Structure formats: structure tokens, C-alpha cells
Amino acid sequence: MEGIRVLNLTEGNETSRAISKLEILVTDIIKEIIETYNANKEADPNNP
């Protein structure tokens, strides 16, 4: 198909390193959002 590109991420090239760093960053952001949500929920249990 046109417009689809397959990347080999096992080679350890710049693309795979960037994706790995992005994965860590996104995971950290999601954890922080969940922690903030839970802290806000504990502070005001009546707030949905």
C-alpha cells in the first residue's frame, strides 16, 4: 500500500531510540495525570 512504511526497531537506530524515549515520556505524563486526578478526587470526593 502506498503511504505505509515499516520500520525495523530492533536495529537500535535513531528512530527506535526516539520512539523508546517517547514511550517513556508518554507513560510518565499519563502517570502524572492519574496521580493528579486521584489527589483531586481525595481532596473533594463530591467533585466528579
N, C-alpha and C. Protein backbone atom coordinates (compact mmCIF):
# COMPACT_ATOMS: atom_id res chain seq x y z
N MET A 1 0.82 -1.18 0.00
CA MET A 1 0.00 0.00 0.00
C MET A 1 0.87 1.24 0.00
N GLU A 2 0.40 2.23 -0.65
CA GLU A 2 1.13 3.49 -0.70
C GLU A 2 0.93 4.26 0.60
N GLY A 3 1.99 4.85 1.11
CA GLY A 3 1.90 5.66 2.33
C GLY A 3 2.15 4.88 3.60
N ILE A 4 2.39 3.60 3.51
CA ILE A 4 2.68 2.79 4.70
C ILE A 4 4.15 2.43 4.69
N ARG A 5 4.79 2.65 5.83
CA ARG A 5 6.21 2.36 5.94
C ARG A 5 6.45 1.48 7.15
N VAL A 6 7.22 0.44 7.00
CA VAL A 6 7.55 -0.47 8.09
C VAL A 6 8.95 -0.14 8.57
N LEU A 7 9.10 0.02 9.89
CA LEU A 7 10.40 0.33 10.46
C LEU A 7 10.88 -0.85 11.30
N ASN A 8 12.13 -1.22 11.14
CA ASN A 8 12.73 -2.25 11.96
C ASN A 8 13.27 -1.58 13.22
N LEU A 9 12.61 -1.81 14.35
CA LEU A 9 13.01 -1.16 15.59
C LEU A 9 14.05 -1.95 16.38
N THR A 10 14.45 -3.11 15.88
CA THR A 10 15.43 -3.92 16.60
C THR A 10 16.86 -3.52 16.26
N GLU A 11 17.04 -2.66 15.28
CA GLU A 11 18.39 -2.28 14.86
C GLU A 11 19.05 -1.28 15.80
N GLY A 12 18.28 -0.58 16.62
CA GLY A 12 18.85 0.39 17.53
C GLY A 12 19.24 1.68 16.83
N ASN A 13 18.48 2.05 15.81
CA ASN A 13 18.79 3.29 15.09
C ASN A 13 18.14 4.48 15.78
N GLU A 14 18.29 5.67 15.21
CA GLU A 14 17.77 6.89 15.83
C GLU A 14 16.26 6.83 15.99
N THR A 15 15.57 6.26 15.04
CA THR A 15 14.10 6.18 15.11
C THR A 15 13.66 5.34 16.29
N SER A 16 14.28 4.20 16.48
CA SER A 16 13.88 3.33 17.59
C SER A 16 14.20 3.97 18.94
N ARG A 17 15.31 4.69 19.03
CA ARG A 17 15.64 5.38 20.27
C ARG A 17 14.64 6.51 20.56
N ALA A 18 14.25 7.22 19.53
CA ALA A 18 13.27 8.30 19.70
C ALA A 18 11.93 7.74 20.14
N ILE A 19 11.49 6.65 19.55
CA ILE A 19 10.22 6.03 19.92
C ILE A 19 10.30 5.53 21.36
N SER A 20 11.42 4.97 21.74
CA SER A 20 11.59 4.49 23.11
C SER A 20 11.51 5.63 24.11
N LYS A 21 12.16 6.74 23.80
CA LYS A 21 12.11 7.91 24.69
C LYS A 21 10.70 8.48 24.75
N LEU A 22 10.02 8.49 23.62
CA LEU A 22 8.65 8.99 23.57
C LEU A 22 7.73 8.10 24.42
N GLU A 23 7.94 6.81 24.35
CA GLU A 23 7.15 5.88 25.16
C GLU A 23 7.31 6.17 26.65
N ILE A 24 8.52 6.42 27.09
CA ILE A 24 8.79 6.73 28.50
C ILE A 24 8.13 8.05 28.88
N LEU A 25 8.25 9.04 28.02
CA LEU A 25 7.66 10.35 28.27
C LEU A 25 6.14 10.26 28.39
N VAL A 26 5.51 9.57 27.46
CA VAL A 26 4.05 9.44 27.48
C VAL A 26 3.60 8.68 28.72
N THR A 27 4.31 7.64 29.09
CA THR A 27 3.97 6.87 30.29
C THR A 27 4.07 7.76 31.53
N ASP A 28 5.11 8.56 31.64
CA ASP A 28 5.27 9.47 32.78
C ASP A 28 4.15 10.50 32.83
N ILE A 29 3.77 11.03 31.68
CA ILE A 29 2.70 12.03 31.63
C ILE A 29 1.38 11.40 32.07
N ILE A 30 1.09 10.21 31.60
CA ILE A 30 -0.16 9.53 31.98
C ILE A 30 -0.18 9.25 33.48
N LYS A 31 0.94 8.79 34.03
CA LYS A 31 1.02 8.55 35.47
C LYS A 31 0.76 9.83 36.25
N GLU A 32 1.34 10.94 35.81
CA GLU A 32 1.16 12.21 36.49
C GLU A 32 -0.30 12.67 36.42
N ILE A 33 -0.94 12.48 35.29
CA ILE A 33 -2.36 12.85 35.15
C ILE A 33 -3.21 12.02 36.10
N ILE A 34 -2.95 10.73 36.18
CA ILE A 34 -3.72 9.85 37.08
C ILE A 34 -3.49 10.23 38.53
N GLU A 35 -2.25 10.50 38.90
CA GLU A 35 -1.95 10.90 40.29
C GLU A 35 -2.64 12.21 40.64
N THR A 36 -2.63 13.18 39.72
CA THR A 36 -3.29 14.46 39.96
C THR A 36 -4.79 14.27 40.09
N TYR A 37 -5.36 13.44 39.21
CA TYR A 37 -6.80 13.16 39.27
C TYR A 37 -7.16 12.53 40.61
N ASN A 38 -6.39 11.53 41.03
CA ASN A 38 -6.66 10.85 42.31
C ASN A 38 -6.51 11.79 43.49
N ALA A 39 -5.50 12.66 43.47
CA ALA A 39 -5.30 13.62 44.56
C ALA A 39 -6.47 14.60 44.62
N ASN A 40 -6.93 15.06 43.47
CA ASN A 40 -8.08 15.98 43.43
C ASN A 40 -9.35 15.28 43.89
N LYS A 41 -9.49 14.03 43.55
CA LYS A 41 -10.67 13.25 43.94
C LYS A 41 -10.68 13.05 45.46
N GLU A 42 -9.52 12.80 46.05
CA GLU A 42 -9.42 12.62 47.51
C GLU A 42 -9.70 13.93 48.23
N ALA A 43 -9.25 15.05 47.65
CA ALA A 43 -9.44 16.36 48.27
C ALA A 43 -10.91 16.78 48.25
N ASP A 44 -11.64 16.40 47.21
CA ASP A 44 -13.04 16.77 47.07
C ASP A 44 -13.82 15.60 46.48
N PRO A 45 -14.25 14.65 47.33
CA PRO A 45 -14.93 13.45 46.83
C PRO A 45 -16.25 13.74 46.13
N ASN A 46 -16.83 14.93 46.33
CA ASN A 46 -18.09 15.27 45.67
C ASN A 46 -17.90 15.79 44.26
N ASN A 47 -16.66 16.05 43.87
CA ASN A 47 -16.36 16.54 42.52
C ASN A 47 -16.16 15.35 41.60
N PRO A 48 -16.99 15.22 40.56
CA PRO A 48 -16.89 14.04 39.66
C PRO A 48 -15.66 13.98 38.86
